[in-house]
Amino acid sequence: MRLIAEMRVTKLAPSVSYISFLALYFSFNIITTISSTFLPDDDFIKCLNKNTYVDFPLEKTFFTPEKNASTFIKVLESTAQNYRFLTNSTPKPSFIFTPVHESHVQASIICSKKLGIHLRVRSGGHDFEAVSYVSQIETPFLLLDLSKLRQINVNIKDSSAWVQAGATLGEVYYRIAEKSKIHGFPAGLCSTVGIGGYITGGGYGALMRKYGLAADNVLDAKIVDANGKLLNRAAMGEDMFWAIRGGGGGSFGIILAWKLKLVLVPETLTIFSVTKTLEQDPDFKTLSKWQRIADKLVEDLFIRVVIRASGNSTVAASYRGQFLGEKGTLIEIMKKDFPELGLTEKDCTEMRWIESVIFNGEFPEGTPIEALIQVKSPLVNPSFKSKGDIVKKPIPALVLKGIFKRLIQQEPGTFLAFAPYGGMMAKISESEIPFPHRSGTIFKILYNADTGMRPGTKINWIRELYSFMTPYVSSNPRQAYVNYRDLDLGQNTRNTTSDFKTAQIWGAKYFKGNFKRLVRIKSKVDPHNIFRHEQSIPTLPVQS
């Protein structure tokens, strides 16, 4: 198969002028030059055919800007979840391949190595810095888009599910709920996140205080390694299986599927949302109390706080809670442990677990659960810059005042979210998987700036806020969550030695002491650094 069809020049009719002939001649040579320029695309297809036994229809799996620019852009943007990286100046892949079979992924690795084409891999496109579909440090590159590998097989009998990397969290939740009212999975709040990359960073959600992270609940995996081999847990070994569950995506291989351990949920859950404006909580007594008790509440209760401007020059904190039980029991707990919030039965709604997923995803009220199987984010062209922090001790009221003051003039898309830890999160060792933020963590902060308008100003704003928070969050190192990827912390170049030195700084922030083990495993399973991006785990420098 050839990307560019053969061209045939027929005998010119006598009426064709000499000038027309020259125009045709030069246009033919221009097309031929373009064809030669993009010969690697063509060679890649030939190589794929030699290394896979499953056909792939070119018109549905292979996209280039030269062949069909509008289709190429449509595919590129289909699961790109941060429009800050879809500007005209942002580097674009030379071509996109969307495999429809596991062997296509294996062949892609073999062929990218053989032809020397840099590879980026996208499952859901939610990487905060877009490293799954944009390469700022190495061009040209190809994009391997796993969106067509999205099969989900739920087995209620053994409480497990095999899920391919291109499936979204929403699809996983929906398919589990189709089979059972009392099973769920402890993953994230955003339904359009691709599960392939999500679990590689750990993955937190509303069930984390009860069951831990998504990565804490993985039984097996399928991964294609740097040699194009398809491995399961037994074949890859426990070191690599440890690394891929929280060590960050795009470093050790390409995840094709996860085997998830399903967890039990009650038939009835209770959710609530109570909002306190700055005028209703002027001394921050409610938010200060939340900080003192959020990680100590019963592990069935998860209360998240979202702080954003709410118009009329004020800021509001929304306390969004989920309780694994009925509202009568919840009210008793809240009266005892958190009366300051003033929760009433009218604030509470009982529902099924699958319906609580809609609530936690902040869909509009009344949204049907079928919305969970849509691939595109419900947000309109989101453009943002995010940063994160780990908090070990309550933030003083005076500092909270400084946060609120900075948020007053911002759009609703700019916000801070506090997610509580404790419960099961505090019981798991920080070296159990690469994700190290466990015992001693009160909550995690997500700073999010809407960069749709005046992106430079907004990025400077969030960096200033992050600097302001320095004395009040974790230190030595100042810790961060790898799924809140932040290239401000440092990034790789193409120099392995300097990458290792730089990565020791941001690596300690994401992984603490686990970073050293990740580097050793990387050096063993991918010594030539085939899987690399701006914050991939580096290999050990070669000793001279």
Protein backbone atom coordinates (compact mmCIF):
# COMPACT_ATOMS: atom_id res chain seq x y z
CA MET A 1 0.00 0.00 0.00
CA ARG A 2 1.17 3.53 -0.75
CA LEU A 3 0.18 6.75 1.00
CA ILE A 4 0.31 8.75 -2.22
CA ALA A 5 -1.31 7.16 -5.21
CA GLU A 6 0.70 6.67 -8.37
CA MET A 7 0.38 9.50 -10.84
CA ARG A 8 0.05 8.84 -14.54
CA VAL A 9 0.75 11.52 -17.20
CA THR A 10 -1.30 10.97 -20.31
CA LYS A 11 -0.43 12.26 -23.77
CA LEU A 12 -1.17 15.99 -23.98
CA ALA A 13 -3.89 17.14 -26.33
CA PRO A 14 -2.71 19.47 -29.11
CA SER A 15 -4.73 22.30 -27.61
CA VAL A 16 -2.60 22.33 -24.48
CA SER A 17 -0.27 25.31 -24.72
CA TYR A 18 3.44 25.26 -23.97
CA ILE A 19 2.77 27.34 -20.87
CA SER A 20 0.14 24.86 -19.69
CA PHE A 21 2.61 22.07 -20.27
CA LEU A 22 5.21 23.86 -18.15
CA ALA A 23 2.65 24.45 -15.39
CA LEU A 24 1.73 20.78 -15.42
CA TYR A 25 5.41 19.79 -15.47
CA PHE A 26 6.30 21.95 -12.48
CA SER A 27 3.21 20.97 -10.50
CA PHE A 28 4.12 17.32 -11.08
CA ASN A 29 7.62 17.95 -9.79
CA ILE A 30 6.29 19.85 -6.76
CA ILE A 31 4.03 16.92 -5.87
CA THR A 32 6.91 14.52 -6.43
CA THR A 33 9.09 16.64 -4.13
CA ILE A 34 6.40 16.65 -1.46
CA SER A 35 6.07 12.90 -1.85
CA SER A 36 9.82 12.52 -1.38
CA THR A 37 9.76 14.88 1.57
CA PHE A 38 7.18 12.74 3.30
CA LEU A 39 8.60 9.44 2.23
CA PRO A 40 9.05 8.35 5.89
CA ASP A 41 5.24 8.25 6.15
CA ASP A 42 5.12 5.96 3.16
CA ASP A 43 8.01 3.87 4.47
CA PHE A 44 6.27 3.63 7.82
CA ILE A 45 3.20 2.11 6.18
CA LYS A 46 5.33 -0.38 4.28
CA CYS A 47 7.10 -1.30 7.49
CA LEU A 48 3.80 -1.72 9.33
CA ASN A 49 2.57 -4.13 6.67
CA LYS A 50 5.68 -6.25 7.09
CA ASN A 51 5.34 -6.40 10.87
CA THR A 52 1.65 -7.04 11.46
CA TYR A 53 -0.69 -9.78 10.36
CA VAL A 54 -3.83 -7.65 10.74
CA ASP A 55 -4.87 -5.27 7.96
CA PHE A 56 -5.52 -1.60 8.67
CA PRO A 57 -7.65 0.52 6.29
CA LEU A 58 -5.51 3.55 5.47
CA GLU A 59 -8.39 5.99 5.16
CA LYS A 60 -9.52 5.18 8.73
CA THR A 61 -6.19 4.75 10.49
CA PHE A 62 -3.57 6.97 8.86
CA PHE A 63 -3.78 10.76 8.67
CA THR A 64 -1.40 13.37 7.27
CA PRO A 65 -1.82 17.14 6.76
CA GLU A 66 -0.73 16.71 3.12
CA LYS A 67 -3.33 14.11 2.22
CA ASN A 68 -6.31 15.72 3.95
CA ALA A 69 -5.58 18.69 6.18
CA SER A 70 -9.10 19.07 7.59
CA THR A 71 -9.37 15.39 8.56
CA PHE A 72 -5.88 15.47 10.07
CA ILE A 73 -6.77 18.46 12.27
CA LYS A 74 -10.08 16.85 13.24
CA VAL A 75 -8.32 13.68 14.40
CA LEU A 76 -5.58 15.66 16.17
CA GLU A 77 -8.17 17.70 18.07
CA SER A 78 -10.56 14.79 18.69
CA THR A 79 -9.15 13.98 22.14
CA ALA A 80 -6.86 16.97 22.69
CA GLN A 81 -8.17 18.25 26.01
CA ASN A 82 -6.10 21.44 26.36
CA TYR A 83 -6.54 23.93 23.55
CA ARG A 84 -3.55 25.92 24.78
CA PHE A 85 -1.53 23.41 22.77
CA LEU A 86 -3.54 23.61 19.55
CA THR A 87 -2.28 26.99 18.33
CA ASN A 88 -0.78 27.44 14.88
CA SER A 89 2.70 27.72 16.37
CA THR A 90 2.45 24.48 18.39
CA PRO A 91 4.45 21.63 16.79
CA LYS A 92 2.19 19.11 15.05
CA PRO A 93 2.88 15.44 14.35
CA SER A 94 4.02 14.60 10.83
CA PHE A 95 1.31 11.97 10.75
CA ILE A 96 -1.18 10.22 13.03
CA PHE A 97 -1.73 6.47 13.19
CA THR A 98 -4.76 5.07 15.03
CA PRO A 99 -4.17 1.33 15.48
CA VAL A 100 -7.16 -0.99 15.57
CA HIS A 101 -5.28 -4.06 16.82
CA GLU A 102 -2.60 -4.72 19.43
CA SER A 103 -0.17 -5.94 16.76
CA HIS A 104 -0.33 -2.49 15.13
CA VAL A 105 1.13 -0.97 18.29
CA GLN A 106 3.90 -3.57 18.33
CA ALA A 107 4.68 -2.87 14.68
CA SER A 108 4.64 0.90 15.30
CA ILE A 109 7.42 0.62 17.87
CA ILE A 110 9.49 -1.60 15.60
CA CYS A 111 9.03 0.76 12.67
CA SER A 112 9.64 4.00 14.58
CA LYS A 113 12.94 2.55 15.80
CA LYS A 114 13.93 1.27 12.35
CA LEU A 115 13.12 4.56 10.61
CA GLY A 116 14.31 6.83 13.40
CA ILE A 117 10.93 8.57 13.83
CA HIS A 118 10.17 9.93 17.30
CA LEU A 119 6.94 8.55 18.79
CA ARG A 120 4.29 10.11 21.04
CA VAL A 121 1.38 8.07 22.43
CA ARG A 122 -2.09 9.35 23.37
CA SER A 123 -4.91 7.47 25.06
CA GLY A 124 -7.28 10.21 26.25
CA GLY A 125 -5.36 13.44 25.65
CA HIS A 126 -5.67 14.81 29.19
CA ASP A 127 -1.98 15.31 29.88
CA PHE A 128 -1.88 18.80 31.41
CA GLU A 129 1.15 19.79 29.31
CA ALA A 130 0.01 17.82 26.23
CA VAL A 131 3.19 15.73 26.06
CA SER A 132 1.11 12.81 24.77
CA TYR A 133 0.41 14.61 21.49
CA VAL A 134 2.86 17.52 21.28
CA SER A 135 6.64 17.35 21.18
CA GLN A 136 8.32 20.65 22.03
CA ILE A 137 11.84 19.20 22.12
CA GLU A 138 11.99 16.77 19.22
CA THR A 139 10.59 17.01 15.69
CA PRO A 140 9.51 15.49 13.42
CA PHE A 141 7.39 13.05 15.39
CA LEU A 142 4.45 10.73 14.84
CA LEU A 143 1.37 10.44 17.03
CA LEU A 144 0.11 6.99 17.95
CA ASP A 145 -3.51 7.55 18.96
CA LEU A 146 -5.04 4.65 20.92
CA SER A 147 -8.62 5.92 20.82
CA LYS A 148 -9.83 2.94 18.75
CA LEU A 149 -8.52 0.44 21.31
CA ARG A 150 -11.32 0.87 23.85
CA GLN A 151 -12.76 -2.57 24.55
CA ILE A 152 -14.06 -3.21 28.09
CA ASN A 153 -14.77 -6.69 29.47
CA VAL A 154 -16.35 -6.70 32.94
CA ASN A 155 -16.33 -9.94 34.96
CA ILE A 156 -18.54 -9.54 38.01
CA LYS A 157 -17.92 -13.13 39.15
CA ASP A 158 -14.29 -12.40 39.99
CA SER A 159 -14.77 -8.63 40.51
CA SER A 160 -12.44 -7.61 37.70
CA ALA A 161 -12.44 -5.88 34.33
CA TRP A 162 -10.00 -5.83 31.42
CA VAL A 163 -9.99 -2.34 29.91
CA GLN A 164 -8.08 -1.23 26.82
CA ALA A 165 -6.03 1.95 27.02
CA GLY A 166 -8.23 4.08 24.75
CA ALA A 167 -11.35 3.68 26.90
CA THR A 168 -12.37 6.63 29.06
CA LEU A 169 -13.11 6.54 32.78
CA GLY A 170 -16.73 7.34 32.00
CA GLU A 171 -17.01 4.31 29.73
CA VAL A 172 -15.46 2.11 32.43
CA TYR A 173 -17.93 3.34 35.04
CA TYR A 174 -20.87 2.92 32.68
CA ARG A 175 -19.94 -0.64 31.67
CA ILE A 176 -19.43 -1.69 35.30
CA ALA A 177 -22.82 -0.26 36.25
CA GLU A 178 -24.45 -2.18 33.39
CA LYS A 179 -23.41 -5.40 35.11
CA SER A 180 -23.80 -4.52 38.80
CA LYS A 181 -25.36 -2.01 41.19
CA ILE A 182 -22.88 -2.78 43.95
CA HIS A 183 -19.54 -2.65 42.11
CA GLY A 184 -17.46 0.35 41.16
CA PHE A 185 -13.88 1.42 40.55
CA PRO A 186 -11.87 4.06 42.49
CA ALA A 187 -10.81 6.40 39.71
CA GLY A 188 -11.14 10.03 38.71
CA LEU A 189 -13.84 12.68 38.63
CA CYS A 190 -13.42 13.64 34.95
CA SER A 191 -15.20 11.09 32.78
CA THR A 192 -13.34 11.82 29.51
CA VAL A 193 -9.88 10.93 30.83
CA GLY A 194 -8.28 7.99 28.99
CA ILE A 195 -7.55 5.14 31.36
CA GLY A 196 -4.30 4.14 29.63
CA GLY A 197 -2.30 7.15 30.78
CA TYR A 198 -4.38 7.96 33.84
CA ILE A 199 -3.37 4.92 35.88
CA THR A 200 0.31 5.39 35.01
CA GLY A 201 0.21 8.48 37.25
CA GLY A 202 -1.65 6.88 40.14
CA GLY A 203 -5.17 8.19 39.66
CA TYR A 204 -7.29 9.61 42.50
CA GLY A 205 -11.03 10.12 42.91
CA ALA A 206 -13.98 10.20 45.30
CA LEU A 207 -13.36 6.61 46.49
CA MET A 208 -9.67 7.14 47.32
CA ARG A 209 -10.17 7.46 51.08
CA LYS A 210 -11.98 4.11 51.08
CA TYR A 211 -9.98 2.13 48.51
CA GLY A 212 -6.88 4.12 47.57
CA LEU A 213 -5.83 5.09 44.06
CA ALA A 214 -6.79 3.49 40.77
CA ALA A 215 -3.20 2.22 40.53
CA ASP A 216 -3.59 0.56 43.93
CA ASN A 217 -6.38 -1.53 42.41
CA VAL A 218 -4.69 -2.97 39.30
CA LEU A 219 -4.25 -6.74 39.02
CA ASP A 220 -2.48 -7.08 35.68
CA ALA A 221 -1.56 -5.16 32.55
CA LYS A 222 -0.66 -5.57 28.90
CA ILE A 223 2.23 -3.46 27.67
CA VAL A 224 4.35 -3.27 24.54
CA ASP A 225 8.01 -2.81 25.44
CA ALA A 226 10.87 -1.07 23.64
CA ASN A 227 11.46 -4.16 21.48
CA GLY A 228 7.86 -4.36 20.35
CA LYS A 229 7.08 -7.35 22.56
CA LEU A 230 3.64 -7.76 24.14
CA LEU A 231 4.00 -8.48 27.86
CA ASN A 232 1.64 -9.21 30.73
CA ARG A 233 2.49 -8.94 34.43
CA ALA A 234 4.21 -12.33 34.58
CA ALA A 235 6.29 -11.62 31.46
CA MET A 236 7.30 -8.07 32.34
CA GLY A 237 8.26 -8.91 35.94
CA GLU A 238 7.36 -7.19 39.19
CA ASP A 239 9.83 -4.30 38.79
CA MET A 240 8.24 -3.08 35.57
CA PHE A 241 4.73 -3.77 36.88
CA TRP A 242 5.59 -1.62 39.91
CA ALA A 243 6.93 1.21 37.71
CA ILE A 244 3.94 1.52 35.38
CA ARG A 245 1.46 1.93 38.27
CA GLY A 246 2.23 5.51 39.25
CA GLY A 247 5.62 6.18 37.66
CA GLY A 248 4.15 8.42 34.96
CA GLY A 249 3.18 7.65 31.38
CA GLY A 250 5.38 7.44 28.32
CA SER A 251 8.53 6.10 29.98
CA PHE A 252 8.51 2.30 30.06
CA GLY A 253 6.36 1.15 27.17
CA ILE A 254 2.91 1.54 25.69
CA ILE A 255 0.05 0.40 27.91
CA LEU A 256 -2.51 -1.56 25.89
CA ALA A 257 -4.83 -2.65 28.72
CA TRP A 258 -5.28 -2.79 32.47
CA LYS A 259 -6.93 -5.51 34.52
CA LEU A 260 -8.83 -3.67 37.23
CA LYS A 261 -9.92 -4.91 40.62
CA LEU A 262 -13.51 -3.81 41.12
CA VAL A 263 -14.59 -2.61 44.56
CA LEU A 264 -17.86 -2.83 46.45
CA VAL A 265 -20.13 0.20 46.74
CA PRO A 266 -23.51 0.41 48.54
CA GLU A 267 -26.72 0.53 46.54
CA THR A 268 -27.39 3.96 48.05
CA LEU A 269 -24.85 6.79 48.24
CA THR A 270 -25.43 10.35 49.40
CA ILE A 271 -24.01 13.44 47.73
CA PHE A 272 -24.17 17.09 48.71
CA SER A 273 -22.89 20.48 47.69
CA VAL A 274 -22.83 23.42 50.13
CA THR A 275 -21.41 26.76 49.05
CA LYS A 276 -20.00 29.40 51.38
CA THR A 277 -19.23 32.83 49.96
CA LEU A 278 -16.54 35.06 51.43
CA GLU A 279 -19.30 37.03 53.16
CA GLN A 280 -20.76 33.85 54.71
CA ASP A 281 -17.38 32.67 56.02
CA PRO A 282 -15.39 35.93 56.43
CA ASP A 283 -13.01 34.55 59.04
CA PHE A 284 -12.51 31.23 57.16
CA LYS A 285 -13.71 29.26 60.16
CA THR A 286 -15.44 26.67 57.97
CA LEU A 287 -12.49 26.20 55.63
CA SER A 288 -10.05 26.12 58.53
CA LYS A 289 -12.11 23.42 60.25
CA TRP A 290 -12.24 21.41 57.00
CA GLN A 291 -8.44 21.44 56.90
CA ARG A 292 -8.26 20.05 60.42
CA ILE A 293 -10.72 17.19 59.90
CA ALA A 294 -10.94 16.33 56.18
CA ASP A 295 -8.31 13.57 56.35
CA LYS A 296 -9.59 12.27 59.70
CA LEU A 297 -13.27 11.75 58.85
CA VAL A 298 -14.64 8.23 58.38
CA GLU A 299 -13.16 6.81 55.18
CA ASP A 300 -16.64 6.43 53.66
CA LEU A 301 -16.83 10.24 53.47
CA PHE A 302 -15.02 12.33 50.86
CA ILE A 303 -15.44 16.14 50.96
CA ARG A 304 -13.71 18.12 48.24
CA VAL A 305 -13.50 21.92 48.22
CA VAL A 306 -13.55 24.00 45.03
CA ILE A 307 -12.75 27.72 45.38
CA ARG A 308 -13.52 30.12 42.54
CA ALA A 309 -14.82 33.61 41.80
CA SER A 310 -18.62 33.67 41.80
CA GLY A 311 -19.35 37.13 40.41
CA ASN A 312 -20.18 40.39 42.20
CA SER A 313 -16.56 40.70 43.34
CA THR A 314 -16.73 37.75 45.69
CA VAL A 315 -15.26 34.27 45.97
CA ALA A 316 -17.06 31.12 47.04
CA ALA A 317 -15.91 27.77 48.40
CA SER A 318 -18.07 24.81 47.37
CA TYR A 319 -17.94 21.78 49.65
CA ARG A 320 -18.81 18.81 47.45
CA GLY A 321 -19.24 15.59 49.36
CA GLN A 322 -19.85 11.90 48.71
CA PHE A 323 -20.82 9.45 51.44
CA LEU A 324 -21.03 5.68 51.02
CA GLY A 325 -24.33 5.33 52.82
CA GLU A 326 -27.70 6.92 53.50
CA LYS A 327 -28.21 10.57 54.33
CA GLY A 328 -29.46 9.98 57.87
CA THR A 329 -26.11 8.47 58.84
CA LEU A 330 -24.25 11.24 57.03
CA ILE A 331 -26.14 13.98 58.88
CA GLU A 332 -25.21 12.39 62.23
CA ILE A 333 -21.52 12.27 61.26
CA MET A 334 -21.51 15.88 60.05
CA LYS A 335 -23.25 17.21 63.17
CA LYS A 336 -20.60 15.51 65.28
CA ASP A 337 -17.45 16.19 63.23
CA PHE A 338 -18.17 19.19 60.97
CA PRO A 339 -21.14 21.23 62.29
CA GLU A 340 -19.58 24.43 60.93
CA LEU A 341 -20.71 23.49 57.41
CA GLY A 342 -24.37 23.50 58.49
CA LEU A 343 -25.33 20.52 56.34
CA THR A 344 -29.08 19.75 56.28
CA GLU A 345 -31.14 16.94 54.80
CA LYS A 346 -32.28 19.33 52.06
CA ASP A 347 -28.66 19.63 50.91
CA CYS A 348 -28.38 15.85 50.52
CA THR A 349 -29.45 13.60 47.65
CA GLU A 350 -29.42 9.82 47.74
CA MET A 351 -28.50 8.03 44.53
CA ARG A 352 -26.73 5.08 42.93
CA TRP A 353 -22.95 5.06 42.58
CA ILE A 354 -23.13 5.54 38.80
CA GLU A 355 -25.29 8.64 39.33
CA SER A 356 -22.75 10.03 41.81
CA VAL A 357 -20.19 9.90 39.02
CA ILE A 358 -22.30 12.45 37.12
CA PHE A 359 -22.38 14.67 40.22
CA ASN A 360 -18.63 14.41 40.83
CA GLY A 361 -17.94 15.21 37.19
CA GLU A 362 -19.88 18.48 37.66
CA PHE A 363 -22.26 17.75 34.81
CA PRO A 364 -25.42 19.92 34.75
CA GLU A 365 -28.20 18.68 37.01
CA GLY A 366 -30.40 16.13 35.26
CA THR A 367 -27.67 14.90 32.91
CA PRO A 368 -28.33 11.24 32.01
CA ILE A 369 -25.68 8.63 32.79
CA GLU A 370 -25.27 8.04 29.03
CA ALA A 371 -23.21 11.26 29.03
CA LEU A 372 -20.41 9.19 30.58
CA ILE A 373 -19.75 7.41 27.30
CA GLN A 374 -19.11 10.57 25.31
CA VAL A 375 -15.45 10.96 24.41
CA LYS A 376 -15.13 14.73 24.26
CA SER A 377 -15.00 16.87 27.39
CA PRO A 378 -18.27 18.68 28.23
CA LEU A 379 -16.19 21.85 28.54
CA VAL A 380 -16.03 24.01 25.40
CA ASN A 381 -12.49 24.17 24.03
CA PRO A 382 -10.77 24.16 27.45
CA SER A 383 -7.50 26.08 27.58
CA PHE A 384 -5.64 26.07 30.87
CA LYS A 385 -2.42 26.02 32.86
CA SER A 386 -2.35 23.95 36.04
CA LYS A 387 -0.02 23.39 38.96
CA GLY A 388 -0.25 21.28 42.09
CA ASP A 389 0.81 21.04 45.73
CA ILE A 390 0.75 18.59 48.62
CA VAL A 391 -0.31 20.06 51.99
CA LYS A 392 1.00 18.64 55.27
CA LYS A 393 -0.35 21.19 57.75
CA PRO A 394 -3.37 23.52 57.74
CA ILE A 395 -2.97 26.73 55.77
CA PRO A 396 -3.40 29.80 58.07
CA ALA A 397 -6.51 31.95 57.67
CA LEU A 398 -4.43 34.96 56.64
CA VAL A 399 -3.01 32.95 53.73
CA LEU A 400 -6.50 31.74 52.76
CA LYS A 401 -7.47 35.41 52.62
CA GLY A 402 -4.58 36.02 50.23
CA ILE A 403 -5.80 33.16 47.98
CA PHE A 404 -9.36 34.51 47.90
CA LYS A 405 -8.12 38.03 47.17
CA ARG A 406 -6.19 36.75 44.15
CA LEU A 407 -9.24 34.87 42.82
CA ILE A 408 -11.77 37.73 43.02
CA GLN A 409 -11.12 39.15 39.55
CA GLN A 410 -10.68 35.78 37.81
CA GLU A 411 -13.15 33.92 35.56
CA PRO A 412 -15.04 30.85 36.93
CA GLY A 413 -12.74 28.62 34.86
CA THR A 414 -9.91 29.69 37.15
CA PHE A 415 -10.12 27.85 40.47
CA LEU A 416 -8.40 25.94 43.26
CA ALA A 417 -9.50 22.43 44.27
CA PHE A 418 -8.61 20.80 47.58
CA ALA A 419 -8.86 16.97 47.63
CA PRO A 420 -8.64 15.28 51.07
CA TYR A 421 -6.39 12.34 51.87
CA GLY A 422 -6.36 10.08 54.93
CA GLY A 423 -8.24 6.80 55.24
CA MET A 424 -6.81 4.09 52.99
CA MET A 425 -4.39 6.61 51.45
CA ALA A 426 -2.59 6.86 54.80
CA LYS A 427 -2.44 3.09 55.27
CA ILE A 428 -0.52 2.25 52.10
CA SER A 429 3.28 2.54 52.13
CA GLU A 430 4.76 5.35 50.03
CA SER A 431 6.94 2.79 48.26
CA GLU A 432 4.14 0.30 47.51
CA ILE A 433 3.90 1.89 44.06
CA PRO A 434 5.84 4.92 42.70
CA PHE A 435 3.14 7.36 43.90
CA PRO A 436 4.58 8.46 47.29
CA HIS A 437 2.07 10.94 48.75
CA ARG A 438 0.55 8.90 51.56
CA SER A 439 0.65 9.18 55.36
CA GLY A 440 0.98 12.74 56.65
CA THR A 441 -0.75 14.33 53.67
CA ILE A 442 -3.86 16.33 54.63
CA PHE A 443 -4.92 17.31 51.14
CA LYS A 444 -3.76 18.01 47.61
CA ILE A 445 -4.19 21.33 45.80
CA LEU A 446 -4.94 21.75 42.11
CA TYR A 447 -4.38 25.31 40.87
CA ASN A 448 -6.08 25.88 37.53
CA ALA A 449 -5.95 29.04 35.41
CA ASP A 450 -8.29 29.51 32.45
CA THR A 451 -5.96 30.64 29.64
CA GLY A 452 -8.61 31.08 26.95
CA MET A 453 -8.13 34.85 27.10
CA ARG A 454 -4.79 36.57 27.76
CA PRO A 455 -2.87 33.30 28.28
CA GLY A 456 0.42 35.00 29.12
CA THR A 457 -1.20 37.06 31.87
CA LYS A 458 -3.00 34.03 33.29
CA ILE A 459 0.13 31.88 33.32
CA ASN A 460 2.02 34.62 35.15
CA TRP A 461 -0.90 34.85 37.61
CA ILE A 462 -0.83 31.16 38.49
CA ARG A 463 2.95 31.17 38.82
CA GLU A 464 2.75 34.09 41.24
CA LEU A 465 0.09 32.28 43.29
CA TYR A 466 2.26 29.16 43.35
CA SER A 467 5.20 31.24 44.58
CA PHE A 468 3.01 32.87 47.24
CA MET A 469 2.07 29.41 48.57
CA THR A 470 5.67 28.19 48.96
CA PRO A 471 5.94 28.53 52.78
CA TYR A 472 2.61 26.81 53.43
CA VAL A 473 2.91 23.54 51.52
CA SER A 474 5.24 20.53 51.54
CA SER A 475 8.96 21.20 51.33
CA ASN A 476 12.31 19.46 50.86
CA PRO A 477 11.15 18.60 48.29
CA ARG A 478 8.06 20.61 47.47
CA GLN A 479 5.95 17.69 46.32
CA ALA A 480 3.73 17.42 43.24
CA TYR A 481 1.36 14.91 41.65
CA VAL A 482 2.65 13.60 38.32
CA ASN A 483 -0.83 13.59 36.73
CA TYR A 484 -0.86 17.33 37.40
CA ARG A 485 2.12 17.57 35.08
CA ASP A 486 3.93 20.91 35.29
CA LEU A 487 6.87 21.62 32.99
CA ASP A 488 7.75 24.64 35.14
CA LEU A 489 9.35 22.10 37.48
CA GLY A 490 11.93 21.19 34.83
CA GLN A 491 12.06 19.22 31.61
CA ASN A 492 14.23 16.95 29.54
CA THR A 493 16.27 17.89 26.51
CA ARG A 494 17.87 15.44 24.09
CA ASN A 495 20.99 15.18 26.22
CA THR A 496 20.80 12.10 28.45
CA THR A 497 23.43 13.26 30.95
CA SER A 498 21.89 16.69 31.54
CA ASP A 499 18.40 15.11 31.56
CA PHE A 500 19.36 12.90 34.47
CA LYS A 501 20.72 15.83 36.49
CA THR A 502 17.65 18.00 35.83
CA ALA A 503 15.24 15.11 36.34
CA GLN A 504 16.59 14.46 39.81
CA ILE A 505 14.98 17.76 40.84
CA TRP A 506 11.49 17.30 39.37
CA GLY A 507 11.66 13.53 39.87
CA ALA A 508 11.99 13.95 43.63
CA LYS A 509 8.96 16.27 43.63
CA TYR A 510 6.77 13.71 41.87
CA PHE A 511 8.15 10.47 43.30
CA LYS A 512 10.36 11.30 46.32
CA GLY A 513 12.70 8.35 47.02
CA ASN A 514 10.95 6.17 44.43
CA PHE A 515 12.57 8.16 41.63
CA LYS A 516 15.89 6.31 41.95
CA ARG A 517 14.19 2.94 41.53
CA LEU A 518 12.25 4.25 38.52
CA VAL A 519 15.52 5.33 36.85
CA ARG A 520 17.08 1.91 37.44
CA ILE A 521 14.06 0.15 35.94
CA LYS A 522 13.96 2.54 32.99
CA SER A 523 17.64 1.91 32.28
CA LYS A 524 16.98 -1.83 32.28
CA VAL A 525 13.80 -2.05 30.20
CA ASP A 526 14.41 0.88 27.81
CA PRO A 527 18.18 1.49 27.77
CA HIS A 528 18.06 3.40 24.45
CA ASN A 529 15.31 5.73 25.72
CA ILE A 530 12.81 4.92 22.99
CA PHE A 531 9.95 6.16 25.16
CA ARG A 532 10.76 9.75 25.95
CA HIS A 533 9.15 13.15 26.36
CA GLU A 534 9.65 16.39 28.27
CA GLN A 535 9.26 14.70 31.66
CA SER A 536 9.79 11.01 30.98
CA ILE A 537 11.95 9.03 33.38
CA PRO A 538 15.58 9.28 32.14
CA THR A 539 18.10 6.49 31.88
CA LEU A 540 21.22 6.45 34.00
CA PRO A 541 24.04 8.42 32.32
CA VAL A 542 26.69 6.29 30.64
CA GLN A 543 29.92 6.30 32.59
CA SER A 544 32.84 7.56 30.49
